[in-house]
Amino acid sequence: MIQHLRHKQFPASNPLANALVIIVGILVIVVSFVVGVVAFVALLTAAIVLAAVIGVRVWWLNRKFRTGKKSHMNQRYTASETAEIIEGEFRVITHDKAQKPGD
């Protein structure tokens, strides 16, 4: 009885139906494989593009940082050369609590 249940199959009553089931099964497997490969290639491409963008950005920032650091170290100047003088007038205004408005 157990041997009979272990090897139980559907009866092959129609050979055309069996052939159709085999063809459809093969097509489903092939389509699944192709979709999987396409999804893998798309994710791999996105990862490569993202890595390239991040790499270029890091390279650009390092280059900018090194260039700025070199130019800053090459410039020997004093504070008086870069200082700007701003002229203006001012008036000190004090507020006394005892003072009334309008006085």
Foldseek 3Di string as FASTA:
>chain_A
DVVCVVPDDDDPPDVVVVVVVVVVVVVVVVVVVVVVVVVVVVVVVVVVVVVVVVVVVVVVVVVVVVVVVVVVVPDDDDPVVVDDDDDDDDDDDDDDPPDDPPD
